[in-house]
Amino acid sequence: MDETTQVPLEDLRAHREWVARVARALVPGAAADDLEQSVWLRVLTSPPGHARGIKGWFATLLRRGARDEWRGEDRRRRREKRAATPEATRSTAD
């Protein structure tokens, strides 16, 4: 395979279980499924041009996706904290 040909999809799919395991190791729960799906979407829209270092390529996509997930979650927490207001009514215990 020369440098200008894309890696066959079947060759990439051979790494499916590994991609799923790494996604689960990087992010919890359903976010791992979302991360894995985003990686496969990237594979379909912009596959690698060569077969060298395929696991490294997948690992980079997974780390970047996990980082984006962590950043998004952090932004969401900060936004919710800023938007939270103290209770308007007194507690019944008071």
PDB file of N, CA and C in Angstrom:
ATOM      1  N   MET A   1       0.854  -1.178   0.000  1.00  0.00           N
ATOM      2  CA  MET A   1       0.000   0.000   0.000  1.00  0.00           C
ATOM      3  C   MET A   1       0.894   1.234   0.000  1.00  0.00           C
ATOM      4  N   ASP A   2       0.643   2.148  -0.921  1.00  0.00           N
ATOM      5  CA  ASP A   2       1.474   3.349  -0.962  1.00  0.00           C
ATOM      6  C   ASP A   2       0.880   4.434  -0.064  1.00  0.00           C
ATOM      7  N   GLU A   3       1.573   5.555   0.041  1.00  0.00           N
ATOM      8  CA  GLU A   3       1.204   6.634   0.961  1.00  0.00           C
ATOM      9  C   GLU A   3      -0.105   7.321   0.594  1.00  0.00           C
ATOM     10  N   THR A   4      -0.567   7.207  -0.656  1.00  0.00           N
ATOM     11  CA  THR A   4      -1.760   7.943  -1.071  1.00  0.00           C
ATOM     12  C   THR A   4      -3.038   7.127  -0.945  1.00  0.00           C
ATOM     13  N   THR A   5      -2.954   5.842  -0.716  1.00  0.00           N
ATOM     14  CA  THR A   5      -4.157   5.025  -0.585  1.00  0.00           C
ATOM     15  C   THR A   5      -4.656   5.014   0.850  1.00  0.00           C
ATOM     16  N   GLN A   6      -5.955   4.932   0.977  1.00  0.00           N
ATOM     17  CA  GLN A   6      -6.534   4.863   2.308  1.00  0.00           C
ATOM     18  C   GLN A   6      -6.507   3.425   2.807  1.00  0.00           C
ATOM     19  N   VAL A   7      -6.479   3.298   4.115  1.00  0.00           N
ATOM     20  CA  VAL A   7      -6.501   1.982   4.732  1.00  0.00           C
ATOM     21  C   VAL A   7      -7.902   1.410   4.552  1.00  0.00           C
ATOM     22  N   PRO A   8      -8.024   0.153   4.119  1.00  0.00           N
ATOM     23  CA  PRO A   8      -9.353  -0.447   3.964  1.00  0.00           C
ATOM     24  C   PRO A   8     -10.117  -0.438   5.294  1.00  0.00           C
ATOM     25  N   LEU A   9     -11.400  -0.181   5.219  1.00  0.00           N
ATOM     26  CA  LEU A   9     -12.237  -0.107   6.410  1.00  0.00           C
ATOM     27  C   LEU A   9     -12.168  -1.390   7.232  1.00  0.00           C
ATOM     28  N   GLU A  10     -12.100  -2.516   6.584  1.00  0.00           N
ATOM     29  CA  GLU A  10     -12.027  -3.790   7.312  1.00  0.00           C
ATOM     30  C   GLU A  10     -10.751  -3.871   8.155  1.00  0.00           C
ATOM     31  N   ASP A  11      -9.666  -3.320   7.664  1.00  0.00           N
ATOM     32  CA  ASP A  11      -8.423  -3.307   8.442  1.00  0.00           C
ATOM     33  C   ASP A  11      -8.580  -2.438   9.685  1.00  0.00           C
ATOM     34  N   LEU A  12      -9.322  -1.344   9.555  1.00  0.00           N
ATOM     35  CA  LEU A  12      -9.567  -0.469  10.691  1.00  0.00           C
ATOM     36  C   LEU A  12     -10.535  -1.112  11.677  1.00  0.00           C
ATOM     37  N   ARG A  13     -11.566  -1.759  11.159  1.00  0.00           N
ATOM     38  CA  ARG A  13     -12.553  -2.409  12.022  1.00  0.00           C
ATOM     39  C   ARG A  13     -11.952  -3.535  12.851  1.00  0.00           C
ATOM     40  N   ALA A  14     -10.826  -4.053  12.429  1.00  0.00           N
ATOM     41  CA  ALA A  14     -10.157  -5.106  13.203  1.00  0.00           C
ATOM     42  C   ALA A  14      -9.746  -4.597  14.586  1.00  0.00           C
ATOM     43  N   HIS A  15      -9.709  -3.286  14.757  1.00  0.00           N
ATOM     44  CA  HIS A  15      -9.313  -2.684  16.036  1.00  0.00           C
ATOM     45  C   HIS A  15     -10.517  -2.256  16.880  1.00  0.00           C
ATOM     46  N   ARG A  16     -11.711  -2.658  16.480  1.00  0.00           N
ATOM     47  CA  ARG A  16     -12.938  -2.213  17.137  1.00  0.00           C
ATOM     48  C   ARG A  16     -12.959  -2.497  18.634  1.00  0.00           C
ATOM     49  N   GLU A  17     -12.632  -3.700  19.032  1.00  0.00           N
ATOM     50  CA  GLU A  17     -12.666  -4.043  20.459  1.00  0.00           C
ATOM     51  C   GLU A  17     -11.629  -3.238  21.239  1.00  0.00           C
ATOM     52  N   TRP A  18     -10.467  -3.042  20.671  1.00  0.00           N
ATOM     53  CA  TRP A  18      -9.425  -2.259  21.338  1.00  0.00           C
ATOM     54  C   TRP A  18      -9.882  -0.820  21.520  1.00  0.00           C
ATOM     55  N   VAL A  19     -10.490  -0.251  20.480  1.00  0.00           N
ATOM     56  CA  VAL A  19     -10.992   1.126  20.560  1.00  0.00           C
ATOM     57  C   VAL A  19     -12.038   1.225  21.671  1.00  0.00           C
ATOM     58  N   ALA A  20     -12.948   0.261  21.751  1.00  0.00           N
ATOM     59  CA  ALA A  20     -13.988   0.271  22.782  1.00  0.00           C
ATOM     60  C   ALA A  20     -13.366   0.181  24.179  1.00  0.00           C
ATOM     61  N   ARG A  21     -12.374  -0.677  24.357  1.00  0.00           N
ATOM     62  CA  ARG A  21     -11.713  -0.822  25.671  1.00  0.00           C
ATOM     63  C   ARG A  21     -11.035   0.480  26.090  1.00  0.00           C
ATOM     64  N   VAL A  22     -10.333   1.111  25.177  1.00  0.00           N
ATOM     65  CA  VAL A  22      -9.632   2.354  25.504  1.00  0.00           C
ATOM     66  C   VAL A  22     -10.648   3.459  25.823  1.00  0.00           C
ATOM     67  N   ALA A  23     -11.723   3.524  25.052  1.00  0.00           N
ATOM     68  CA  ALA A  23     -12.763   4.530  25.316  1.00  0.00           C
ATOM     69  C   ALA A  23     -13.330   4.348  26.719  1.00  0.00           C
ATOM     70  N   ARG A  24     -13.601   3.101  27.107  1.00  0.00           N
ATOM     71  CA  ARG A  24     -14.135   2.833  28.454  1.00  0.00           C
ATOM     72  C   ARG A  24     -13.122   3.162  29.537  1.00  0.00           C
ATOM     73  N   ALA A  25     -11.854   3.029  29.228  1.00  0.00           N
ATOM     74  CA  ALA A  25     -10.821   3.359  30.217  1.00  0.00           C
ATOM     75  C   ALA A  25     -10.666   4.866  30.387  1.00  0.00           C
ATOM     76  N   LEU A  26     -11.002   5.621  29.352  1.00  0.00           N
ATOM     77  CA  LEU A  26     -10.799   7.072  29.395  1.00  0.00           C
ATOM     78  C   LEU A  26     -11.982   7.840  29.978  1.00  0.00           C
ATOM     79  N   VAL A  27     -13.199   7.407  29.684  1.00  0.00           N
ATOM     80  CA  VAL A  27     -14.385   8.128  30.158  1.00  0.00           C
ATOM     81  C   VAL A  27     -15.416   7.126  30.680  1.00  0.00           C
ATOM     82  N   PRO A  28     -16.235   7.549  31.643  1.00  0.00           N
ATOM     83  CA  PRO A  28     -17.191   6.622  32.264  1.00  0.00           C
ATOM     84  C   PRO A  28     -18.487   6.464  31.466  1.00  0.00           C
ATOM     85  N   GLY A  29     -19.134   5.339  31.670  1.00  0.00           N
ATOM     86  CA  GLY A  29     -20.498   5.095  31.221  1.00  0.00           C
ATOM     87  C   GLY A  29     -20.779   5.347  29.759  1.00  0.00           C
ATOM     88  N   ALA A  30     -21.926   5.995  29.544  1.00  0.00           N
ATOM     89  CA  ALA A  30     -22.400   6.254  28.184  1.00  0.00           C
ATOM     90  C   ALA A  30     -21.466   7.183  27.422  1.00  0.00           C
ATOM     91  N   ALA A  31     -20.694   7.982  28.131  1.00  0.00           N
ATOM     92  CA  ALA A  31     -19.743   8.875  27.458  1.00  0.00           C
ATOM     93  C   ALA A  31     -18.713   8.059  26.668  1.00  0.00           C
ATOM     94  N   ALA A  32     -18.397   6.850  27.151  1.00  0.00           N
ATOM     95  CA  ALA A  32     -17.456   5.992  26.427  1.00  0.00           C
ATOM     96  C   ALA A  32     -18.050   5.560  25.091  1.00  0.00           C
ATOM     97  N   ASP A  33     -19.348   5.252  25.096  1.00  0.00           N
ATOM     98  CA  ASP A  33     -20.010   4.887  23.843  1.00  0.00           C
ATOM     99  C   ASP A  33     -20.008   6.070  22.874  1.00  0.00           C
ATOM    100  N   ASP A  34     -20.274   7.261  23.403  1.00  0.00           N
ATOM    101  CA  ASP A  34     -20.262   8.465  22.566  1.00  0.00           C
ATOM    102  C   ASP A  34     -18.872   8.717  21.994  1.00  0.00           C
ATOM    103  N   LEU A  35     -17.859   8.530  22.831  1.00  0.00           N
ATOM    104  CA  LEU A  35     -16.478   8.723  22.385  1.00  0.00           C
ATOM    105  C   LEU A  35     -16.132   7.732  21.284  1.00  0.00           C
ATOM    106  N   GLU A  36     -16.479   6.488  21.493  1.00  0.00           N
ATOM    107  CA  GLU A  36     -16.196   5.466  20.485  1.00  0.00           C
ATOM    108  C   GLU A  36     -16.923   5.796  19.174  1.00  0.00           C
ATOM    109  N   GLN A  37     -18.165   6.214  19.269  1.00  0.00           N
ATOM    110  CA  GLN A  37     -18.926   6.562  18.072  1.00  0.00           C
ATOM    111  C   GLN A  37     -18.285   7.733  17.334  1.00  0.00           C
ATOM    112  N   SER A  38     -17.809   8.724  18.067  1.00  0.00           N
ATOM    113  CA  SER A  38     -17.186   9.879  17.401  1.00  0.00           C
ATOM    114  C   SER A  38     -15.893   9.474  16.694  1.00  0.00           C
ATOM    115  N   VAL A  39     -15.171   8.522  17.269  1.00  0.00           N
ATOM    116  CA  VAL A  39     -13.949   8.037  16.622  1.00  0.00           C
ATOM    117  C   VAL A  39     -14.301   7.333  15.310  1.00  0.00           C
ATOM    118  N   TRP A  40     -15.336   6.499  15.328  1.00  0.00           N
ATOM    119  CA  TRP A  40     -15.705   5.786  14.104  1.00  0.00           C
ATOM    120  C   TRP A  40     -16.273   6.735  13.056  1.00  0.00           C
ATOM    121  N   LEU A  41     -16.935   7.782  13.488  1.00  0.00           N
ATOM    122  CA  LEU A  41     -17.394   8.790  12.535  1.00  0.00           C
ATOM    123  C   LEU A  41     -16.197   9.445  11.859  1.00  0.00           C
ATOM    124  N   ARG A  42     -15.178   9.730  12.638  1.00  0.00           N
ATOM    125  CA  ARG A  42     -13.949  10.312  12.086  1.00  0.00           C
ATOM    126  C   ARG A  42     -13.298   9.349  11.103  1.00  0.00           C
ATOM    127  N   VAL A  43     -13.317   8.053  11.426  1.00  0.00           N
ATOM    128  CA  VAL A  43     -12.747   7.046  10.530  1.00  0.00           C
ATOM    129  C   VAL A  43     -13.469   7.079   9.174  1.00  0.00           C
ATOM    130  N   LEU A  44     -14.794   7.209   9.227  1.00  0.00           N
ATOM    131  CA  LEU A  44     -15.561   7.212   7.980  1.00  0.00           C
ATOM    132  C   LEU A  44     -15.373   8.493   7.175  1.00  0.00           C
ATOM    133  N   THR A  45     -15.236   9.621   7.869  1.00  0.00           N
ATOM    134  CA  THR A  45     -15.130  10.895   7.159  1.00  0.00           C
ATOM    135  C   THR A  45     -13.708  11.261   6.761  1.00  0.00           C
ATOM    136  N   SER A  46     -12.745  10.768   7.526  1.00  0.00           N
ATOM    137  CA  SER A  46     -11.358  11.126   7.246  1.00  0.00           C
ATOM    138  C   SER A  46     -10.423   9.997   7.672  1.00  0.00           C
ATOM    139  N   PRO A  47     -10.428   8.895   6.932  1.00  0.00           N
ATOM    140  CA  PRO A  47      -9.589   7.751   7.315  1.00  0.00           C
ATOM    141  C   PRO A  47      -8.103   8.058   7.147  1.00  0.00           C
ATOM    142  N   PRO A  48      -7.282   7.306   7.856  1.00  0.00           N
ATOM    143  CA  PRO A  48      -5.837   7.526   7.719  1.00  0.00           C
ATOM    144  C   PRO A  48      -5.371   7.129   6.321  1.00  0.00           C
ATOM    145  N   GLY A  49      -4.307   7.739   5.889  1.00  0.00           N
ATOM    146  CA  GLY A  49      -3.791   7.477   4.554  1.00  0.00           C
ATOM    147  C   GLY A  49      -2.831   6.305   4.480  1.00  0.00           C
ATOM    148  N   HIS A  50      -2.430   5.776   5.625  1.00  0.00           N
ATOM    149  CA  HIS A  50      -1.508   4.639   5.632  1.00  0.00           C
ATOM    150  C   HIS A  50      -1.762   3.777   6.853  1.00  0.00           C
ATOM    151  N   ALA A  51      -1.280   2.553   6.805  1.00  0.00           N
ATOM    152  CA  ALA A  51      -1.554   1.583   7.864  1.00  0.00           C
ATOM    153  C   ALA A  51      -0.548   1.643   9.011  1.00  0.00           C
ATOM    154  N   ARG A  52       0.529   2.392   8.856  1.00  0.00           N
ATOM    155  CA  ARG A  52       1.513   2.460   9.937  1.00  0.00           C
ATOM    156  C   ARG A  52       0.929   3.188  11.137  1.00  0.00           C
ATOM    157  N   GLY A  53       1.136   2.644  12.306  1.00  0.00           N
ATOM    158  CA  GLY A  53       0.742   3.313  13.541  1.00  0.00           C
ATOM    159  C   GLY A  53      -0.755   3.510  13.708  1.00  0.00           C
ATOM    160  N   ILE A  54      -1.557   2.543  13.242  1.00  0.00           N
ATOM    161  CA  ILE A  54      -3.007   2.683  13.323  1.00  0.00           C
ATOM    162  C   ILE A  54      -3.461   2.814  14.776  1.00  0.00           C
ATOM    163  N   LYS A  55      -2.918   1.982  15.676  1.00  0.00           N
ATOM    164  CA  LYS A  55      -3.329   2.085  17.082  1.00  0.00           C
ATOM    165  C   LYS A  55      -2.947   3.436  17.663  1.00  0.00           C
ATOM    166  N   GLY A  56      -1.817   3.961  17.279  1.00  0.00           N
ATOM    167  CA  GLY A  56      -1.419   5.286  17.746  1.00  0.00           C
ATOM    168  C   GLY A  56      -2.369   6.352  17.231  1.00  0.00           C
ATOM    169  N   TRP A  57      -2.807   6.204  15.981  1.00  0.00           N
ATOM    170  CA  TRP A  57      -3.767   7.141  15.395  1.00  0.00           C
ATOM    171  C   TRP A  57      -5.085   7.083  16.156  1.00  0.00           C
ATOM    172  N   PHE A  58      -5.579   5.853  16.395  1.00  0.00           N
ATOM    173  CA  PHE A  58      -6.806   5.686  17.173  1.00  0.00           C
ATOM    174  C   PHE A  58      -6.634   6.266  18.578  1.00  0.00           C
ATOM    175  N   ALA A  59      -5.495   5.986  19.216  1.00  0.00           N
ATOM    176  CA  ALA A  59      -5.256   6.476  20.575  1.00  0.00           C
ATOM    177  C   ALA A  59      -5.287   8.003  20.626  1.00  0.00           C
ATOM    178  N   THR A  60      -4.724   8.638  19.614  1.00  0.00           N
ATOM    179  CA  THR A  60      -4.748  10.102  19.562  1.00  0.00           C
ATOM    180  C   THR A  60      -6.180  10.610  19.455  1.00  0.00           C
ATOM    181  N   LEU A  61      -6.976  10.000  18.573  1.00  0.00           N
ATOM    182  CA  LEU A  61      -8.376  10.407  18.440  1.00  0.00           C
ATOM    183  C   LEU A  61      -9.131  10.211  19.754  1.00  0.00           C
ATOM    184  N   LEU A  62      -8.876   9.094  20.422  1.00  0.00           N
ATOM    185  CA  LEU A  62      -9.560   8.811  21.682  1.00  0.00           C
ATOM    186  C   LEU A  62      -9.154   9.790  22.780  1.00  0.00           C
ATOM    187  N   ARG A  63      -7.855  10.072  22.886  1.00  0.00           N
ATOM    188  CA  ARG A  63      -7.398  11.026  23.916  1.00  0.00           C
ATOM    189  C   ARG A  63      -7.963  12.410  23.674  1.00  0.00           C
ATOM    190  N   ARG A  64      -7.950  12.842  22.429  1.00  0.00           N
ATOM    191  CA  ARG A  64      -8.501  14.168  22.113  1.00  0.00           C
ATOM    192  C   ARG A  64     -10.001  14.229  22.406  1.00  0.00           C
ATOM    193  N   GLY A  65     -10.716  13.176  22.039  1.00  0.00           N
ATOM    194  CA  GLY A  65     -12.148  13.132  22.317  1.00  0.00           C
ATOM    195  C   GLY A  65     -12.432  13.121  23.807  1.00  0.00           C
ATOM    196  N   ALA A  66     -11.644  12.359  24.572  1.00  0.00           N
ATOM    197  CA  ALA A  66     -11.818  12.318  26.028  1.00  0.00           C
ATOM    198  C   ALA A  66     -11.510  13.683  26.632  1.00  0.00           C
ATOM    199  N   ARG A  67     -10.474  14.321  26.155  1.00  0.00           N
ATOM    200  CA  ARG A  67     -10.124  15.661  26.654  1.00  0.00           C
ATOM    201  C   ARG A  67     -11.264  16.635  26.395  1.00  0.00           C
ATOM    202  N   ASP A  68     -11.843  16.571  25.217  1.00  0.00           N
ATOM    203  CA  ASP A  68     -12.976  17.442  24.899  1.00  0.00           C
ATOM    204  C   ASP A  68     -14.162  17.147  25.816  1.00  0.00           C
ATOM    205  N   GLU A  69     -14.386  15.870  26.104  1.00  0.00           N
ATOM    206  CA  GLU A  69     -15.467  15.477  27.020  1.00  0.00           C
ATOM    207  C   GLU A  69     -15.210  16.038  28.417  1.00  0.00           C
ATOM    208  N   TRP A  70     -13.978  15.901  28.915  1.00  0.00           N
ATOM    209  CA  TRP A  70     -13.647  16.415  30.255  1.00  0.00           C
ATOM    210  C   TRP A  70     -13.825  17.923  30.307  1.00  0.00           C
ATOM    211  N   ARG A  71     -13.362  18.602  29.282  1.00  0.00           N
ATOM    212  CA  ARG A  71     -13.490  20.063  29.248  1.00  0.00           C
ATOM    213  C   ARG A  71     -14.962  20.477  29.207  1.00  0.00           C
ATOM    214  N   GLY A  72     -15.744  19.790  28.397  1.00  0.00           N
ATOM    215  CA  GLY A  72     -17.168  20.103  28.306  1.00  0.00           C
ATOM    216  C   GLY A  72     -17.877  19.880  29.629  1.00  0.00           C
ATOM    217  N   GLU A  73     -17.538  18.788  30.291  1.00  0.00           N
ATOM    218  CA  GLU A  73     -18.134  18.490  31.598  1.00  0.00           C
ATOM    219  C   GLU A  73     -17.736  19.550  32.621  1.00  0.00           C
ATOM    220  N   ASP A  74     -16.496  19.979  32.595  1.00  0.00           N
ATOM    221  CA  ASP A  74     -16.034  21.019  33.518  1.00  0.00           C
ATOM    222  C   ASP A  74     -16.764  22.335  33.250  1.00  0.00           C
ATOM    223  N   ARG A  75     -16.911  22.696  31.988  1.00  0.00           N
ATOM    224  CA  ARG A  75     -17.643  23.926  31.643  1.00  0.00           C
ATOM    225  C   ARG A  75     -19.093  23.845  32.109  1.00  0.00           C
ATOM    226  N   ARG A  76     -19.720  22.670  31.915  1.00  0.00           N
ATOM    227  CA  ARG A  76     -21.101  22.498  32.331  1.00  0.00           C
ATOM    228  C   ARG A  76     -21.231  22.662  33.846  1.00  0.00           C
ATOM    229  N   ARG A  77     -20.325  22.055  34.614  1.00  0.00           N
ATOM    230  CA  ARG A  77     -20.366  22.186  36.083  1.00  0.00           C
ATOM    231  C   ARG A  77     -20.207  23.637  36.519  1.00  0.00           C
ATOM    232  N   ARG A  78     -19.255  24.349  35.913  1.00  0.00           N
ATOM    233  CA  ARG A  78     -19.052  25.759  36.282  1.00  0.00           C
ATOM    234  C   ARG A  78     -20.267  26.610  35.923  1.00  0.00           C
ATOM    235  N   ARG A  79     -20.840  26.348  34.764  1.00  0.00           N
ATOM    236  CA  ARG A  79     -22.021  27.090  34.322  1.00  0.00           C
ATOM    237  C   ARG A  79     -23.197  26.841  35.268  1.00  0.00           C
ATOM    238  N   GLU A  80     -23.401  25.589  35.663  1.00  0.00           N
ATOM    239  CA  GLU A  80     -24.493  25.263  36.583  1.00  0.00           C
ATOM    240  C   GLU A  80     -24.259  25.878  37.957  1.00  0.00           C
ATOM    241  N   LYS A  81     -23.016  25.905  38.397  1.00  0.00           N
ATOM    242  CA  LYS A  81     -22.710  26.503  39.695  1.00  0.00           C
ATOM    243  C   LYS A  81     -23.006  28.000  39.683  1.00  0.00           C
ATOM    244  N   ARG A  82     -22.634  28.667  38.588  1.00  0.00           N
ATOM    245  CA  ARG A  82     -22.918  30.110  38.469  1.00  0.00           C
ATOM    246  C   ARG A  82     -24.415  30.384  38.413  1.00  0.00           C
ATOM    247  N   ALA A  83     -25.162  29.502  37.771  1.00  0.00           N
ATOM    248  CA  ALA A  83     -26.594  29.711  37.592  1.00  0.00           C
ATOM    249  C   ALA A  83     -27.404  29.345  38.835  1.00  0.00           C
ATOM    250  N   ALA A  84     -26.824  28.556  39.714  1.00  0.00           N
ATOM    251  CA  ALA A  84     -27.549  28.119  40.917  1.00  0.00           C
ATOM    252  C   ALA A  84     -27.842  29.321  41.806  1.00  0.00           C
ATOM    253  N   THR A  85     -29.051  29.339  42.332  1.00  0.00           N
ATOM    254  CA  THR A  85     -29.436  30.414  43.237  1.00  0.00           C
ATOM    255  C   THR A  85     -29.777  29.820  44.595  1.00  0.00           C
ATOM    256  N   PRO A  86     -29.598  30.596  45.647  1.00  0.00           N
ATOM    257  CA  PRO A  86     -29.971  30.083  46.964  1.00  0.00           C
ATOM    258  C   PRO A  86     -31.488  29.894  47.032  1.00  0.00           C
ATOM    259  N   GLU A  87     -31.904  29.030  47.906  1.00  0.00           N
ATOM    260  CA  GLU A  87     -33.331  28.773  48.072  1.00  0.00           C
ATOM    261  C   GLU A  87     -34.065  30.055  48.445  1.00  0.00           C
ATOM    262  N   ALA A  88     -35.225  30.285  47.834  1.00  0.00           N
ATOM    263  CA  ALA A  88     -35.995  31.500  48.072  1.00  0.00           C
ATOM    264  C   ALA A  88     -36.845  31.411  49.339  1.00  0.00           C
ATOM    265  N   THR A  89     -37.158  30.202  49.759  1.00  0.00           N
ATOM    266  CA  THR A  89     -37.985  30.054  50.952  1.00  0.00           C
ATOM    267  C   THR A  89     -37.177  29.452  52.070  1.00  0.00           C
ATOM    268  N   ARG A  90     -37.608  29.725  53.273  1.00  0.00           N
ATOM    269  CA  ARG A  90     -36.906  29.177  54.432  1.00  0.00           C
ATOM    270  C   ARG A  90     -37.243  27.705  54.590  1.00  0.00           C
ATOM    271  N   SER A  91     -36.343  26.994  55.177  1.00  0.00           N
ATOM    272  CA  SER A  91     -36.537  25.582  55.449  1.00  0.00           C
ATOM    273  C   SER A  91     -37.664  25.420  56.478  1.00  0.00           C
ATOM    274  N   THR A  92     -38.419  24.356  56.376  1.00  0.00           N
ATOM    275  CA  THR A  92     -39.462  24.089  57.368  1.00  0.00           C
ATOM    276  C   THR A  92     -38.875  23.779  58.726  1.00  0.00           C
ATOM    277  N   ALA A  93     -37.621  23.359  58.745  1.00  0.00           N
ATOM    278  CA  ALA A  93     -36.953  23.079  60.023  1.00  0.00           C
ATOM    279  C   ALA A  93     -36.677  24.373  60.795  1.00  0.00           C
ATOM    280  N   ASP A  94     -36.609  25.491  60.061  1.00  0.00           N
ATOM    281  CA  ASP A  94     -36.371  26.774  60.726  1.00  0.00           C
ATOM    282  C   ASP A  94     -37.640  27.215  61.345  1.00  0.00           C
TER     283      ASP A  94
END
